[in-house]
Amino acid sequence: MSEFIKAALVRALRTVAQTAVATIGTSAVLSAVDWKMVASASVLAGILSILTSIATGLPEVTPGPEIDDGHPPA
């Protein structure tokens, strides 16, 4: 598994946990927690985290070697 995939999954897992904690914390008592909403919001947050990592990269992962496209550097 590549370093990028590992870092993206760790970041997504943290996001899922943070979202679950925040969503559970909105209920006054534990019996009032809407567990389907917690799961749904947490999974969505994890998916968005992975998509954001793909779109913008991850600062934890050092960039790979430059690809030579035959053009001089700008």
N, C-alpha and C. Protein backbone atom coordinates (compact mmCIF):
# COMPACT_ATOMS: atom_id res chain seq x y z
N MET A 1 0.86 -1.17 0.00
CA MET A 1 0.00 0.00 0.00
C MET A 1 0.91 1.24 0.00
N SER A 2 0.58 2.18 -0.84
CA SER A 2 1.43 3.36 -0.97
C SER A 2 1.31 4.27 0.26
N GLU A 3 2.33 5.11 0.42
CA GLU A 3 2.35 6.05 1.55
C GLU A 3 1.15 6.99 1.48
N PHE A 4 0.78 7.43 0.27
CA PHE A 4 -0.36 8.33 0.10
C PHE A 4 -1.65 7.67 0.58
N ILE A 5 -1.88 6.43 0.16
CA ILE A 5 -3.12 5.74 0.54
C ILE A 5 -3.20 5.56 2.05
N LYS A 6 -2.08 5.16 2.66
CA LYS A 6 -2.07 5.00 4.12
C LYS A 6 -2.39 6.32 4.82
N ALA A 7 -1.75 7.40 4.38
CA ALA A 7 -1.97 8.71 5.01
C ALA A 7 -3.41 9.17 4.80
N ALA A 8 -3.96 8.96 3.60
CA ALA A 8 -5.33 9.37 3.31
C ALA A 8 -6.33 8.58 4.17
N LEU A 9 -6.08 7.28 4.35
CA LEU A 9 -6.98 6.46 5.16
C LEU A 9 -6.90 6.85 6.64
N VAL A 10 -5.71 7.14 7.13
CA VAL A 10 -5.57 7.57 8.52
C VAL A 10 -6.30 8.89 8.73
N ARG A 11 -6.12 9.81 7.79
CA ARG A 11 -6.80 11.11 7.89
C ARG A 11 -8.33 10.91 7.84
N ALA A 12 -8.81 10.06 6.94
CA ALA A 12 -10.25 9.81 6.83
C ALA A 12 -10.80 9.17 8.10
N LEU A 13 -10.06 8.23 8.68
CA LEU A 13 -10.50 7.58 9.91
C LEU A 13 -10.61 8.59 11.06
N ARG A 14 -9.64 9.48 11.14
CA ARG A 14 -9.70 10.54 12.17
C ARG A 14 -10.91 11.44 11.94
N THR A 15 -11.18 11.76 10.69
CA THR A 15 -12.33 12.61 10.37
C THR A 15 -13.63 11.92 10.74
N VAL A 16 -13.72 10.62 10.45
CA VAL A 16 -14.92 9.85 10.81
C VAL A 16 -15.13 9.88 12.33
N ALA A 17 -14.06 9.64 13.08
CA ALA A 17 -14.17 9.64 14.54
C ALA A 17 -14.56 11.02 15.08
N GLN A 18 -13.95 12.07 14.54
CA GLN A 18 -14.29 13.42 15.00
C GLN A 18 -15.74 13.76 14.70
N THR A 19 -16.21 13.36 13.52
CA THR A 19 -17.60 13.63 13.15
C THR A 19 -18.55 12.86 14.06
N ALA A 20 -18.22 11.61 14.36
CA ALA A 20 -19.07 10.81 15.26
C ALA A 20 -19.14 11.45 16.64
N VAL A 21 -18.00 11.86 17.17
CA VAL A 21 -17.98 12.49 18.49
C VAL A 21 -18.81 13.78 18.48
N ALA A 22 -18.62 14.59 17.44
CA ALA A 22 -19.36 15.85 17.36
C ALA A 22 -20.86 15.61 17.22
N THR A 23 -21.24 14.63 16.42
CA THR A 23 -22.67 14.36 16.20
C THR A 23 -23.31 13.77 17.44
N ILE A 24 -22.60 12.87 18.12
CA ILE A 24 -23.13 12.30 19.36
C ILE A 24 -23.26 13.40 20.42
N GLY A 25 -22.30 14.32 20.42
CA GLY A 25 -22.31 15.40 21.41
C GLY A 25 -23.45 16.38 21.28
N THR A 26 -24.17 16.34 20.17
CA THR A 26 -25.29 17.26 20.01
C THR A 26 -26.54 16.80 20.75
N SER A 27 -26.55 15.55 21.21
CA SER A 27 -27.70 15.03 21.95
C SER A 27 -27.54 15.32 23.44
N ALA A 28 -28.65 15.57 24.08
CA ALA A 28 -28.62 15.88 25.52
C ALA A 28 -28.29 14.64 26.34
N VAL A 29 -28.82 13.49 25.94
CA VAL A 29 -28.55 12.24 26.66
C VAL A 29 -28.24 11.14 25.64
N LEU A 30 -27.52 10.12 26.07
CA LEU A 30 -27.09 9.04 25.18
C LEU A 30 -28.28 8.33 24.53
N SER A 31 -29.40 8.23 25.23
CA SER A 31 -30.55 7.53 24.67
C SER A 31 -31.21 8.33 23.55
N ALA A 32 -30.88 9.63 23.44
CA ALA A 32 -31.48 10.47 22.39
C ALA A 32 -30.63 10.53 21.12
N VAL A 33 -29.51 9.80 21.10
CA VAL A 33 -28.63 9.84 19.93
C VAL A 33 -29.29 9.12 18.76
N ASP A 34 -29.34 9.78 17.62
CA ASP A 34 -29.84 9.16 16.39
C ASP A 34 -28.66 8.47 15.72
N TRP A 35 -28.49 7.16 15.98
CA TRP A 35 -27.32 6.42 15.54
C TRP A 35 -27.22 6.32 14.03
N LYS A 36 -28.37 6.30 13.34
CA LYS A 36 -28.32 6.27 11.88
C LYS A 36 -27.73 7.57 11.35
N MET A 37 -28.10 8.69 11.97
CA MET A 37 -27.56 9.98 11.55
C MET A 37 -26.07 10.06 11.85
N VAL A 38 -25.65 9.54 13.00
CA VAL A 38 -24.24 9.54 13.36
C VAL A 38 -23.44 8.74 12.33
N ALA A 39 -23.92 7.55 11.99
CA ALA A 39 -23.24 6.71 11.02
C ALA A 39 -23.21 7.37 9.64
N SER A 40 -24.33 7.90 9.23
CA SER A 40 -24.42 8.54 7.91
C SER A 40 -23.50 9.74 7.80
N ALA A 41 -23.53 10.62 8.78
CA ALA A 41 -22.68 11.81 8.76
C ALA A 41 -21.21 11.43 8.82
N SER A 42 -20.87 10.42 9.61
CA SER A 42 -19.49 10.00 9.76
C SER A 42 -18.95 9.38 8.47
N VAL A 43 -19.73 8.52 7.84
CA VAL A 43 -19.30 7.91 6.58
C VAL A 43 -19.15 8.98 5.50
N LEU A 44 -20.09 9.89 5.43
CA LEU A 44 -20.00 10.97 4.44
C LEU A 44 -18.74 11.81 4.68
N ALA A 45 -18.44 12.12 5.93
CA ALA A 45 -17.24 12.88 6.24
C ALA A 45 -15.98 12.14 5.82
N GLY A 46 -15.96 10.82 6.01
CA GLY A 46 -14.82 10.01 5.59
C GLY A 46 -14.63 10.02 4.08
N ILE A 47 -15.73 9.91 3.35
CA ILE A 47 -15.68 9.96 1.89
C ILE A 47 -15.18 11.32 1.42
N LEU A 48 -15.71 12.37 2.01
CA LEU A 48 -15.26 13.72 1.65
C LEU A 48 -13.79 13.93 1.97
N SER A 49 -13.32 13.36 3.06
CA SER A 49 -11.91 13.47 3.42
C SER A 49 -11.03 12.80 2.37
N ILE A 50 -11.41 11.62 1.93
CA ILE A 50 -10.63 10.91 0.91
C ILE A 50 -10.63 11.69 -0.40
N LEU A 51 -11.79 12.19 -0.81
CA LEU A 51 -11.86 12.97 -2.05
C LEU A 51 -11.04 14.24 -1.96
N THR A 52 -11.05 14.90 -0.80
CA THR A 52 -10.24 16.10 -0.61
C THR A 52 -8.75 15.76 -0.68
N SER A 53 -8.37 14.63 -0.09
CA SER A 53 -6.97 14.22 -0.15
C SER A 53 -6.53 13.96 -1.58
N ILE A 54 -7.40 13.36 -2.37
CA ILE A 54 -7.08 13.10 -3.77
C ILE A 54 -6.97 14.41 -4.54
N ALA A 55 -7.88 15.32 -4.28
CA ALA A 55 -7.93 16.57 -5.04
C ALA A 55 -6.81 17.54 -4.67
N THR A 56 -6.44 17.58 -3.40
CA THR A 56 -5.48 18.59 -2.95
C THR A 56 -4.16 18.04 -2.47
N GLY A 57 -4.05 16.74 -2.32
CA GLY A 57 -2.82 16.16 -1.81
C GLY A 57 -2.80 16.17 -0.29
N LEU A 58 -1.71 15.61 0.25
CA LEU A 58 -1.56 15.52 1.70
C LEU A 58 -0.21 16.10 2.10
N PRO A 59 -0.19 17.04 3.05
CA PRO A 59 1.09 17.61 3.45
C PRO A 59 2.00 16.60 4.15
N GLU A 60 1.42 15.53 4.71
CA GLU A 60 2.23 14.51 5.39
C GLU A 60 3.08 13.70 4.42
N VAL A 61 2.64 13.63 3.19
CA VAL A 61 3.31 12.80 2.19
C VAL A 61 4.21 13.69 1.35
N THR A 62 5.48 13.35 1.32
CA THR A 62 6.40 14.14 0.51
C THR A 62 6.12 13.86 -0.96
N PRO A 63 6.19 14.88 -1.79
CA PRO A 63 5.92 14.66 -3.21
C PRO A 63 6.95 13.73 -3.82
N GLY A 64 6.49 12.97 -4.78
CA GLY A 64 7.37 12.04 -5.49
C GLY A 64 8.27 12.79 -6.45
N PRO A 65 9.11 12.05 -7.15
CA PRO A 65 10.01 12.70 -8.12
C PRO A 65 9.22 13.38 -9.23
N GLU A 66 9.77 14.49 -9.71
CA GLU A 66 9.13 15.22 -10.81
C GLU A 66 9.14 14.35 -12.07
N ILE A 67 8.09 14.47 -12.85
CA ILE A 67 8.02 13.76 -14.12
C ILE A 67 8.53 14.70 -15.20
N ASP A 68 9.50 14.23 -15.97
CA ASP A 68 10.08 15.05 -17.03
C ASP A 68 9.17 14.99 -18.24
N ASP A 69 8.54 16.13 -18.57
CA ASP A 69 7.66 16.18 -19.73
C ASP A 69 8.36 16.73 -20.97
N GLY A 70 9.66 16.95 -20.86
CA GLY A 70 10.42 17.43 -22.00
C GLY A 70 10.49 18.93 -22.11
N HIS A 71 9.77 19.64 -21.26
CA HIS A 71 9.77 21.10 -21.28
C HIS A 71 10.73 21.62 -20.20
N PRO A 72 11.39 22.73 -20.46
CA PRO A 72 12.26 23.30 -19.42
C PRO A 72 11.42 23.81 -18.25
N PRO A 73 11.99 23.83 -17.06
CA PRO A 73 11.23 24.33 -15.90
C PRO A 73 10.85 25.78 -16.07
N ALA A 74 9.70 26.13 -15.50
CA ALA A 74 9.21 27.51 -15.62
C ALA A 74 9.93 28.43 -14.69
